[in-house]
């Protein structure tokens, strides 16, 4: 049974090329979305995820604060955990998601 299944699964790709045409079919470019789609994606998915990451980053900063004081890196920790995510969530123009912009 295992041999029949393995031989059958090897024969299926042989039939896949029967209707192959040598025409050029342009593939859709999913990165070139229009502005409305990008804004909708930004409002529905990216901004709520960004807000959650700001909250999680703030909690992680509070936990890491005693350790960052001892290493004198509290500014870097705060900027990495809260600053970058808050700039992504609140300072970025709506719909500008590809590519990430410098702030």
PDB file of N, CA and C in Angstrom:
ATOM      1  N   UNK A   1       0.821  -1.183   0.000  1.00  0.00           N
ATOM      2  CA  UNK A   1       0.000   0.000   0.000  1.00  0.00           C
ATOM      3  C   UNK A   1       0.875   1.260   0.000  1.00  0.00           C
ATOM      4  N   UNK A   2       1.941   1.217   0.801  1.00  0.00           N
ATOM      5  CA  UNK A   2       2.844   2.353   0.849  1.00  0.00           C
ATOM      6  C   UNK A   2       3.550   2.525  -0.487  1.00  0.00           C
ATOM      7  N   UNK A   3       3.939   1.429  -1.101  1.00  0.00           N
ATOM      8  CA  UNK A   3       4.613   1.497  -2.404  1.00  0.00           C
ATOM      9  C   UNK A   3       3.677   2.045  -3.465  1.00  0.00           C
ATOM     10  N   UNK A   4       2.418   1.638  -3.447  1.00  0.00           N
ATOM     11  CA  UNK A   4       1.454   2.137  -4.424  1.00  0.00           C
ATOM     12  C   UNK A   4       1.214   3.629  -4.242  1.00  0.00           C
ATOM     13  N   UNK A   5       1.119   4.056  -3.002  1.00  0.00           N
ATOM     14  CA  UNK A   5       0.910   5.479  -2.729  1.00  0.00           C
ATOM     15  C   UNK A   5       2.111   6.312  -3.177  1.00  0.00           C
ATOM     16  N   UNK A   6       3.325   5.836  -2.878  1.00  0.00           N
ATOM     17  CA  UNK A   6       4.507   6.600  -3.259  1.00  0.00           C
ATOM     18  C   UNK A   6       4.688   6.631  -4.768  1.00  0.00           C
ATOM     19  N   UNK A   7       4.403   5.542  -5.451  1.00  0.00           N
ATOM     20  CA  UNK A   7       4.506   5.557  -6.913  1.00  0.00           C
ATOM     21  C   UNK A   7       3.410   6.417  -7.530  1.00  0.00           C
ATOM     22  N   UNK A   8       2.239   6.397  -6.943  1.00  0.00           N
ATOM     23  CA  UNK A   8       1.159   7.239  -7.440  1.00  0.00           C
ATOM     24  C   UNK A   8       1.443   8.711  -7.242  1.00  0.00           C
ATOM     25  N   UNK A   9       2.063   9.055  -6.128  1.00  0.00           N
ATOM     26  CA  UNK A   9       2.371  10.465  -5.892  1.00  0.00           C
ATOM     27  C   UNK A   9       3.499  10.949  -6.776  1.00  0.00           C
ATOM     28  N   UNK A  10       4.345  10.038  -7.255  1.00  0.00           N
ATOM     29  CA  UNK A  10       5.389  10.431  -8.193  1.00  0.00           C
ATOM     30  C   UNK A  10       4.858  10.584  -9.611  1.00  0.00           C
ATOM     31  N   UNK A  11       3.786   9.916  -9.931  1.00  0.00           N
ATOM     32  CA  UNK A  11       3.240   9.986 -11.281  1.00  0.00           C
ATOM     33  C   UNK A  11       2.372  11.217 -11.487  1.00  0.00           C
ATOM     34  N   UNK A  12       1.821  11.777 -10.445  1.00  0.00           N
ATOM     35  CA  UNK A  12       0.932  12.930 -10.574  1.00  0.00           C
ATOM     36  C   UNK A  12       1.646  14.146 -11.163  1.00  0.00           C
ATOM     37  N   UNK A  13       2.877  14.492 -10.755  1.00  0.00           N
ATOM     38  CA  UNK A  13       3.527  15.644 -11.379  1.00  0.00           C
ATOM     39  C   UNK A  13       3.820  15.454 -12.862  1.00  0.00           C
ATOM     40  N   UNK A  14       3.872  14.246 -13.336  1.00  0.00           N
ATOM     41  CA  UNK A  14       4.106  14.016 -14.754  1.00  0.00           C
ATOM     42  C   UNK A  14       2.942  14.513 -15.589  1.00  0.00           C
ATOM     43  N   UNK A  15       1.740  14.493 -15.052  1.00  0.00           N
ATOM     44  CA  UNK A  15       0.568  14.953 -15.770  1.00  0.00           C
ATOM     45  C   UNK A  15       0.350  16.450 -15.638  1.00  0.00           C
ATOM     46  N   UNK A  16       1.092  17.097 -14.807  1.00  0.00           N
ATOM     47  CA  UNK A  16       0.898  18.518 -14.579  1.00  0.00           C
ATOM     48  C   UNK A  16       1.343  19.365 -15.753  1.00  0.00           C
ATOM     49  N   UNK A  17       2.219  18.880 -16.584  1.00  0.00           N
ATOM     50  CA  UNK A  17       2.757  19.668 -17.685  1.00  0.00           C
ATOM     51  C   UNK A  17       2.014  19.443 -18.996  1.00  0.00           C
ATOM     52  N   UNK A  18       0.906  18.713 -19.003  1.00  0.00           N
ATOM     53  CA  UNK A  18       0.218  18.407 -20.243  1.00  0.00           C
ATOM     54  C   UNK A  18      -0.344  19.651 -20.919  1.00  0.00           C
ATOM     55  N   UNK A  19      -0.889  20.565 -20.179  1.00  0.00           N
ATOM     56  CA  UNK A  19      -1.521  21.734 -20.766  1.00  0.00           C
ATOM     57  C   UNK A  19      -0.661  22.977 -20.626  1.00  0.00           C
ATOM     58  N   UNK A  20       0.637  22.809 -20.601  1.00  0.00           N
ATOM     59  CA  UNK A  20       1.545  23.940 -20.454  1.00  0.00           C
ATOM     60  C   UNK A  20       1.609  24.705 -21.760  1.00  0.00           C
ATOM     61  N   UNK A  21       1.407  25.977 -21.681  1.00  0.00           N
ATOM     62  CA  UNK A  21       1.497  26.832 -22.856  1.00  0.00           C
ATOM     63  C   UNK A  21       2.709  27.721 -22.704  1.00  0.00           C
ATOM     64  N   UNK A  22       3.342  28.010 -23.772  1.00  0.00           N
ATOM     65  CA  UNK A  22       4.543  28.823 -23.717  1.00  0.00           C
ATOM     66  C   UNK A  22       4.216  30.295 -23.901  1.00  0.00           C
ATOM     67  N   UNK A  23       3.203  30.746 -23.234  1.00  0.00           N
ATOM     68  CA  UNK A  23       2.826  32.145 -23.275  1.00  0.00           C
ATOM     69  C   UNK A  23       3.306  32.820 -22.005  1.00  0.00           C
ATOM     70  N   UNK A  24       3.645  34.081 -22.144  1.00  0.00           N
ATOM     71  CA  UNK A  24       4.057  34.841 -20.971  1.00  0.00           C
ATOM     72  C   UNK A  24       2.816  35.363 -20.278  1.00  0.00           C
ATOM     73  N   UNK A  25       2.642  34.967 -19.042  1.00  0.00           N
ATOM     74  CA  UNK A  25       1.533  35.443 -18.227  1.00  0.00           C
ATOM     75  C   UNK A  25       2.127  36.292 -17.122  1.00  0.00           C
ATOM     76  N   UNK A  26       1.755  37.547 -17.105  1.00  0.00           N
ATOM     77  CA  UNK A  26       2.306  38.443 -16.101  1.00  0.00           C
ATOM     78  C   UNK A  26       1.698  38.140 -14.738  1.00  0.00           C
ATOM     79  N   UNK A  27       2.557  37.962 -13.780  1.00  0.00           N
ATOM     80  CA  UNK A  27       2.099  37.685 -12.425  1.00  0.00           C
ATOM     81  C   UNK A  27       1.662  38.995 -11.778  1.00  0.00           C
ATOM     82  N   UNK A  28       0.641  38.930 -10.935  1.00  0.00           N
ATOM     83  CA  UNK A  28       0.203  40.169 -10.275  1.00  0.00           C
ATOM     84  C   UNK A  28       1.262  40.662  -9.299  1.00  0.00           C
ATOM     85  N   UNK A  29       1.401  41.957  -9.228  1.00  0.00           N
ATOM     86  CA  UNK A  29       2.345  42.578  -8.314  1.00  0.00           C
ATOM     87  C   UNK A  29       1.584  42.997  -7.065  1.00  0.00           C
ATOM     88  N   UNK A  30       1.741  42.230  -5.991  1.00  0.00           N
ATOM     89  CA  UNK A  30       0.982  42.501  -4.784  1.00  0.00           C
ATOM     90  C   UNK A  30       1.546  43.669  -3.995  1.00  0.00           C
ATOM     91  N   UNK A  31       2.762  44.112  -4.304  1.00  0.00           N
ATOM     92  CA  UNK A  31       3.354  45.221  -3.565  1.00  0.00           C
ATOM     93  C   UNK A  31       2.876  46.562  -4.088  1.00  0.00           C
ATOM     94  N   UNK A  32       2.266  46.586  -5.243  1.00  0.00           N
ATOM     95  CA  UNK A  32       1.800  47.858  -5.782  1.00  0.00           C
ATOM     96  C   UNK A  32       0.302  48.015  -5.514  1.00  0.00           C
ATOM     97  N   UNK A  33      -0.050  48.083  -4.258  1.00  0.00           N
ATOM     98  CA  UNK A  33      -1.445  48.285  -3.915  1.00  0.00           C
ATOM     99  C   UNK A  33      -1.782  49.757  -4.034  1.00  0.00           C
ATOM    100  N   UNK A  34      -3.043  50.031  -4.215  1.00  0.00           N
ATOM    101  CA  UNK A  34      -3.408  51.438  -4.278  1.00  0.00           C
ATOM    102  C   UNK A  34      -3.472  52.019  -2.867  1.00  0.00           C
ATOM    103  N   UNK A  35      -3.603  53.298  -2.776  1.00  0.00           N
ATOM    104  CA  UNK A  35      -3.504  53.997  -1.495  1.00  0.00           C
ATOM    105  C   UNK A  35      -4.646  53.631  -0.546  1.00  0.00           C
ATOM    106  N   UNK A  36      -5.828  53.402  -1.076  1.00  0.00           N
ATOM    107  CA  UNK A  36      -6.962  53.066  -0.211  1.00  0.00           C
ATOM    108  C   UNK A  36      -6.759  51.711   0.457  1.00  0.00           C
ATOM    109  N   UNK A  37      -6.231  50.735  -0.280  1.00  0.00           N
ATOM    110  CA  UNK A  37      -5.964  49.423   0.313  1.00  0.00           C
ATOM    111  C   UNK A  37      -4.900  49.518   1.394  1.00  0.00           C
ATOM    112  N   UNK A  38      -3.875  50.302   1.134  1.00  0.00           N
ATOM    113  CA  UNK A  38      -2.810  50.468   2.112  1.00  0.00           C
ATOM    114  C   UNK A  38      -3.327  51.169   3.368  1.00  0.00           C
ATOM    115  N   UNK A  39      -4.190  52.159   3.200  1.00  0.00           N
ATOM    116  CA  UNK A  39      -4.751  52.854   4.358  1.00  0.00           C
ATOM    117  C   UNK A  39      -5.672  51.941   5.161  1.00  0.00           C
ATOM    118  N   UNK A  40      -6.471  51.142   4.479  1.00  0.00           N
ATOM    119  CA  UNK A  40      -7.362  50.220   5.174  1.00  0.00           C
ATOM    120  C   UNK A  40      -6.565  49.180   5.947  1.00  0.00           C
ATOM    121  N   UNK A  41      -5.536  48.626   5.337  1.00  0.00           N
ATOM    122  CA  UNK A  41      -4.661  47.667   6.012  1.00  0.00           C
ATOM    123  C   UNK A  41      -3.984  48.314   7.213  1.00  0.00           C
ATOM    124  N   UNK A  42      -3.603  49.571   7.049  1.00  0.00           N
ATOM    125  CA  UNK A  42      -2.941  50.291   8.135  1.00  0.00           C
ATOM    126  C   UNK A  42      -3.900  50.529   9.301  1.00  0.00           C
ATOM    127  N   UNK A  43      -5.123  50.937   9.007  1.00  0.00           N
ATOM    128  CA  UNK A  43      -6.093  51.236  10.065  1.00  0.00           C
ATOM    129  C   UNK A  43      -6.560  49.969  10.770  1.00  0.00           C
ATOM    130  N   UNK A  44      -6.840  48.917  10.009  1.00  0.00           N
ATOM    131  CA  UNK A  44      -7.450  47.724  10.585  1.00  0.00           C
ATOM    132  C   UNK A  44      -6.434  46.827  11.278  1.00  0.00           C
ATOM    133  N   UNK A  45      -5.217  46.709  10.724  1.00  0.00           N
ATOM    134  CA  UNK A  45      -4.266  45.735  11.259  1.00  0.00           C
ATOM    135  C   UNK A  45      -3.060  46.397  11.922  1.00  0.00           C
ATOM    136  N   UNK A  46      -2.372  47.274  11.204  1.00  0.00           N
ATOM    137  CA  UNK A  46      -1.086  47.764  11.698  1.00  0.00           C
ATOM    138  C   UNK A  46      -1.202  48.705  12.898  1.00  0.00           C
ATOM    139  N   UNK A  47      -2.160  49.606  12.907  1.00  0.00           N
ATOM    140  CA  UNK A  47      -2.266  50.537  14.035  1.00  0.00           C
ATOM    141  C   UNK A  47      -2.658  49.836  15.335  1.00  0.00           C
ATOM    142  N   UNK A  48      -3.636  48.913  15.334  1.00  0.00           N
ATOM    143  CA  UNK A  48      -3.913  48.200  16.586  1.00  0.00           C
ATOM    144  C   UNK A  48      -2.742  47.341  17.057  1.00  0.00           C
ATOM    145  N   UNK A  49      -2.044  46.698  16.125  1.00  0.00           N
ATOM    146  CA  UNK A  49      -0.863  45.914  16.509  1.00  0.00           C
ATOM    147  C   UNK A  49       0.227  46.838  17.035  1.00  0.00           C
ATOM    148  N   UNK A  50       0.384  48.004  16.428  1.00  0.00           N
ATOM    149  CA  UNK A  50       1.353  48.978  16.915  1.00  0.00           C
ATOM    150  C   UNK A  50       1.008  49.488  18.295  1.00  0.00           C
ATOM    151  N   UNK A  51      -0.274  49.724  18.553  1.00  0.00           N
ATOM    152  CA  UNK A  51      -0.692  50.170  19.883  1.00  0.00           C
ATOM    153  C   UNK A  51      -0.422  49.086  20.924  1.00  0.00           C
ATOM    154  N   UNK A  52      -0.702  47.845  20.572  1.00  0.00           N
ATOM    155  CA  UNK A  52      -0.410  46.743  21.496  1.00  0.00           C
ATOM    156  C   UNK A  52       1.090  46.618  21.743  1.00  0.00           C
ATOM    157  N   UNK A  53       1.889  46.836  20.704  1.00  0.00           N
ATOM    158  CA  UNK A  53       3.342  46.748  20.890  1.00  0.00           C
ATOM    159  C   UNK A  53       3.873  47.896  21.747  1.00  0.00           C
ATOM    160  N   UNK A  54       3.246  49.056  21.688  1.00  0.00           N
ATOM    161  CA  UNK A  54       3.636  50.157  22.580  1.00  0.00           C
ATOM    162  C   UNK A  54       3.346  49.780  24.031  1.00  0.00           C
ATOM    163  N   UNK A  55       2.189  49.178  24.282  1.00  0.00           N
ATOM    164  CA  UNK A  55       1.826  48.781  25.646  1.00  0.00           C
ATOM    165  C   UNK A  55       2.759  47.681  26.154  1.00  0.00           C
ATOM    166  N   UNK A  56       3.025  46.683  25.321  1.00  0.00           N
ATOM    167  CA  UNK A  56       3.941  45.611  25.720  1.00  0.00           C
ATOM    168  C   UNK A  56       5.359  46.154  25.907  1.00  0.00           C
ATOM    169  N   UNK A  57       5.765  47.082  25.039  1.00  0.00           N
ATOM    170  CA  UNK A  57       7.085  47.693  25.169  1.00  0.00           C
ATOM    171  C   UNK A  57       7.221  48.507  26.442  1.00  0.00           C
ATOM    172  N   UNK A  58       6.152  49.188  26.825  1.00  0.00           N
ATOM    173  CA  UNK A  58       6.191  49.953  28.070  1.00  0.00           C
ATOM    174  C   UNK A  58       6.310  49.020  29.274  1.00  0.00           C
ATOM    175  N   UNK A  59       5.584  47.926  29.250  1.00  0.00           N
ATOM    176  CA  UNK A  59       5.681  46.960  30.346  1.00  0.00           C
ATOM    177  C   UNK A  59       7.077  46.326  30.397  1.00  0.00           C
ATOM    178  N   UNK A  60       7.630  46.015  29.223  1.00  0.00           N
ATOM    179  CA  UNK A  60       8.978  45.433  29.186  1.00  0.00           C
ATOM    180  C   UNK A  60      10.021  46.448  29.641  1.00  0.00           C
ATOM    181  N   UNK A  61       9.806  47.722  29.348  1.00  0.00           N
ATOM    182  CA  UNK A  61      10.732  48.753  29.799  1.00  0.00           C
ATOM    183  C   UNK A  61      10.718  48.878  31.318  1.00  0.00           C
ATOM    184  N   UNK A  62       9.542  48.776  31.902  1.00  0.00           N
ATOM    185  CA  UNK A  62       9.446  48.838  33.361  1.00  0.00           C
ATOM    186  C   UNK A  62      10.175  47.657  33.995  1.00  0.00           C
ATOM    187  N   UNK A  63      10.022  46.488  33.399  1.00  0.00           N
ATOM    188  CA  UNK A  63      10.712  45.307  33.923  1.00  0.00           C
ATOM    189  C   UNK A  63      12.223  45.435  33.737  1.00  0.00           C
ATOM    190  N   UNK A  64      12.652  45.974  32.604  1.00  0.00           N
ATOM    191  CA  UNK A  64      14.079  46.072  32.309  1.00  0.00           C
ATOM    192  C   UNK A  64      14.745  47.293  32.929  1.00  0.00           C
ATOM    193  N   UNK A  65      13.968  48.208  33.500  1.00  0.00           N
ATOM    194  CA  UNK A  65      14.522  49.454  34.022  1.00  0.00           C
ATOM    195  C   UNK A  65      15.596  49.269  35.089  1.00  0.00           C
ATOM    196  N   UNK A  66      15.430  48.405  36.081  1.00  0.00           N
ATOM    197  CA  UNK A  66      16.516  48.239  37.067  1.00  0.00           C
ATOM    198  C   UNK A  66      17.820  47.723  36.446  1.00  0.00           C
ATOM    199  N   UNK A  67      17.699  46.869  35.446  1.00  0.00           N
ATOM    200  CA  UNK A  67      18.897  46.341  34.801  1.00  0.00           C
ATOM    201  C   UNK A  67      19.552  47.374  33.894  1.00  0.00           C
ATOM    202  N   UNK A  68      18.731  48.215  33.267  1.00  0.00           N
ATOM    203  CA  UNK A  68      19.293  49.235  32.384  1.00  0.00           C
ATOM    204  C   UNK A  68      19.963  50.358  33.167  1.00  0.00           C
ATOM    205  N   UNK A  69      19.517  50.605  34.397  1.00  0.00           N
ATOM    206  CA  UNK A  69      20.167  51.614  35.233  1.00  0.00           C
ATOM    207  C   UNK A  69      21.579  51.172  35.588  1.00  0.00           C
ATOM    208  N   UNK A  70      21.724  49.897  35.906  1.00  0.00           N
ATOM    209  CA  UNK A  70      23.056  49.410  36.286  1.00  0.00           C
ATOM    210  C   UNK A  70      24.032  49.442  35.122  1.00  0.00           C
ATOM    211  N   UNK A  71      23.540  49.296  33.910  1.00  0.00           N
ATOM    212  CA  UNK A  71      24.432  49.333  32.751  1.00  0.00           C
ATOM    213  C   UNK A  71      24.457  50.705  32.076  1.00  0.00           C
ATOM    214  N   UNK A  72      23.742  51.680  32.651  1.00  0.00           N
ATOM    215  CA  UNK A  72      23.688  53.046  32.146  1.00  0.00           C
ATOM    216  C   UNK A  72      23.171  53.087  30.695  1.00  0.00           C
ATOM    217  N   UNK A  73      22.146  52.297  30.412  1.00  0.00           N
ATOM    218  CA  UNK A  73      21.571  52.260  29.066  1.00  0.00           C
ATOM    219  C   UNK A  73      20.057  52.434  29.097  1.00  0.00           C
ATOM    220  N   UNK A  74      19.566  53.180  30.056  1.00  0.00           N
ATOM    221  CA  UNK A  74      18.114  53.340  30.176  1.00  0.00           C
ATOM    222  C   UNK A  74      17.527  54.123  29.003  1.00  0.00           C
ATOM    223  N   UNK A  75      18.282  55.081  28.463  1.00  0.00           N
ATOM    224  CA  UNK A  75      17.792  55.838  27.308  1.00  0.00           C
ATOM    225  C   UNK A  75      17.657  54.945  26.081  1.00  0.00           C
ATOM    226  N   UNK A  76      18.642  54.076  25.851  1.00  0.00           N
ATOM    227  CA  UNK A  76      18.585  53.173  24.694  1.00  0.00           C
ATOM    228  C   UNK A  76      17.446  52.171  24.827  1.00  0.00           C
ATOM    229  N   UNK A  77      17.251  51.672  26.051  1.00  0.00           N
ATOM    230  CA  UNK A  77      16.165  50.717  26.283  1.00  0.00           C
ATOM    231  C   UNK A  77      14.814  51.376  26.048  1.00  0.00           C
ATOM    232  N   UNK A  78      14.636  52.571  26.562  1.00  0.00           N
ATOM    233  CA  UNK A  78      13.378  53.289  26.368  1.00  0.00           C
ATOM    234  C   UNK A  78      13.113  53.621  24.920  1.00  0.00           C
ATOM    235  N   UNK A  79      14.162  54.028  24.206  1.00  0.00           N
ATOM    236  CA  UNK A  79      13.986  54.354  22.794  1.00  0.00           C
ATOM    237  C   UNK A  79      13.679  53.114  21.969  1.00  0.00           C
ATOM    238  N   UNK A  80      14.334  52.009  22.288  1.00  0.00           N
ATOM    239  CA  UNK A  80      14.103  50.788  21.519  1.00  0.00           C
ATOM    240  C   UNK A  80      12.737  50.180  21.816  1.00  0.00           C
ATOM    241  N   UNK A  81      12.339  50.182  23.076  1.00  0.00           N
ATOM    242  CA  UNK A  81      11.094  49.506  23.459  1.00  0.00           C
ATOM    243  C   UNK A  81       9.852  50.378  23.284  1.00  0.00           C
ATOM    244  N   UNK A  82       9.979  51.671  23.515  1.00  0.00           N
ATOM    245  CA  UNK A  82       8.806  52.539  23.434  1.00  0.00           C
ATOM    246  C   UNK A  82       8.901  53.506  22.250  1.00  0.00           C
ATOM    247  N   UNK A  83      10.079  54.095  22.052  1.00  0.00           N
ATOM    248  CA  UNK A  83      10.221  55.144  21.044  1.00  0.00           C
ATOM    249  C   UNK A  83       9.970  54.687  19.624  1.00  0.00           C
ATOM    250  N   UNK A  84      10.590  53.593  19.224  1.00  0.00           N
ATOM    251  CA  UNK A  84      10.437  53.131  17.844  1.00  0.00           C
ATOM    252  C   UNK A  84       9.011  52.685  17.556  1.00  0.00           C
ATOM    253  N   UNK A  85       8.416  51.961  18.495  1.00  0.00           N
ATOM    254  CA  UNK A  85       7.053  51.496  18.254  1.00  0.00           C
ATOM    255  C   UNK A  85       6.038  52.637  18.297  1.00  0.00           C
ATOM    256  N   UNK A  86       6.265  53.620  19.157  1.00  0.00           N
ATOM    257  CA  UNK A  86       5.329  54.751  19.181  1.00  0.00           C
ATOM    258  C   UNK A  86       5.482  55.621  17.940  1.00  0.00           C
ATOM    259  N   UNK A  87       6.701  55.777  17.429  1.00  0.00           N
ATOM    260  CA  UNK A  87       6.869  56.515  16.166  1.00  0.00           C
ATOM    261  C   UNK A  87       6.199  55.778  15.018  1.00  0.00           C
ATOM    262  N   UNK A  88       6.310  54.436  15.000  1.00  0.00           N
ATOM    263  CA  UNK A  88       5.655  53.656  13.951  1.00  0.00           C
ATOM    264  C   UNK A  88       4.140  53.772  14.050  1.00  0.00           C
ATOM    265  N   UNK A  89       3.628  53.797  15.275  1.00  0.00           N
ATOM    266  CA  UNK A  89       2.171  53.809  15.456  1.00  0.00           C
ATOM    267  C   UNK A  89       1.573  55.193  15.298  1.00  0.00           C
ATOM    268  N   UNK A  90       2.219  56.229  15.833  1.00  0.00           N
ATOM    269  CA  UNK A  90       1.578  57.535  15.908  1.00  0.00           C
ATOM    270  C   UNK A  90       2.158  58.590  14.967  1.00  0.00           C
ATOM    271  N   UNK A  91       3.421  58.474  14.558  1.00  0.00           N
ATOM    272  CA  UNK A  91       4.044  59.525  13.745  1.00  0.00           C
ATOM    273  C   UNK A  91       4.042  59.226  12.250  1.00  0.00           C
ATOM    274  N   UNK A  92       3.876  57.987  11.884  1.00  0.00           N
ATOM    275  CA  UNK A  92       3.926  57.578  10.481  1.00  0.00           C
ATOM    276  C   UNK A  92       2.645  58.015   9.774  1.00  0.00           C
ATOM    277  N   UNK A  93       2.758  58.563   8.560  1.00  0.00           N
ATOM    278  CA  UNK A  93       1.549  58.935   7.814  1.00  0.00           C
ATOM    279  C   UNK A  93       0.699  57.704   7.498  1.00  0.00           C
ATOM    280  N   UNK A  94      -0.589  57.885   7.470  1.00  0.00           N
ATOM    281  CA  UNK A  94      -1.522  56.794   7.247  1.00  0.00           C
ATOM    282  C   UNK A  94      -1.337  56.208   5.851  1.00  0.00           C
ATOM    283  N   UNK A  95      -1.153  54.915   5.783  1.00  0.00           N
ATOM    284  CA  UNK A  95      -1.025  54.223   4.510  1.00  0.00           C
ATOM    285  C   UNK A  95       0.390  54.047   4.018  1.00  0.00           C
ATOM    286  N   UNK A  96       1.366  54.672   4.640  1.00  0.00           N
ATOM    287  CA  UNK A  96       2.757  54.500   4.218  1.00  0.00           C
ATOM    288  C   UNK A  96       3.353  53.322   4.976  1.00  0.00           C
ATOM    289  N   UNK A  97       3.218  52.143   4.394  1.00  0.00           N
ATOM    290  CA  UNK A  97       3.678  50.936   5.067  1.00  0.00           C
ATOM    291  C   UNK A  97       4.779  50.223   4.309  1.00  0.00           C
ATOM    292  N   UNK A  98       4.957  50.483   3.027  1.00  0.00           N
ATOM    293  CA  UNK A  98       6.001  49.858   2.212  1.00  0.00           C
ATOM    294  C   UNK A  98       6.829  50.922   1.557  1.00  0.00           C
ATOM    295  N   UNK A  99       8.048  51.029   1.739  1.00  0.00           N
ATOM    296  CA  UNK A  99       8.945  50.454   2.728  1.00  0.00           C
ATOM    297  C   UNK A  99       8.915  51.284   3.998  1.00  0.00           C
ATOM    298  N   UNK A 100       9.501  50.805   5.095  1.00  0.00           N
ATOM    299  CA  UNK A 100       9.529  51.601   6.315  1.00  0.00           C
ATOM    300  C   UNK A 100      10.293  52.904   6.110  1.00  0.00           C
ATOM    301  N   UNK A 101       9.722  53.962   6.563  1.00  0.00           N
ATOM    302  CA  UNK A 101      10.322  55.287   6.351  1.00  0.00           C
ATOM    303  C   UNK A 101      11.220  55.655   7.540  1.00  0.00           C
ATOM    304  N   UNK A 102      12.180  56.488   7.278  1.00  0.00           N
ATOM    305  CA  UNK A 102      13.023  57.025   8.356  1.00  0.00           C
ATOM    306  C   UNK A 102      12.251  58.140   9.050  1.00  0.00           C
ATOM    307  N   UNK A 103      12.324  58.191  10.348  1.00  0.00           N
ATOM    308  CA  UNK A 103      11.573  59.192  11.109  1.00  0.00           C
ATOM    309  C   UNK A 103      12.477  60.326  11.510  1.00  0.00           C
TER     310      UNK A 103
END
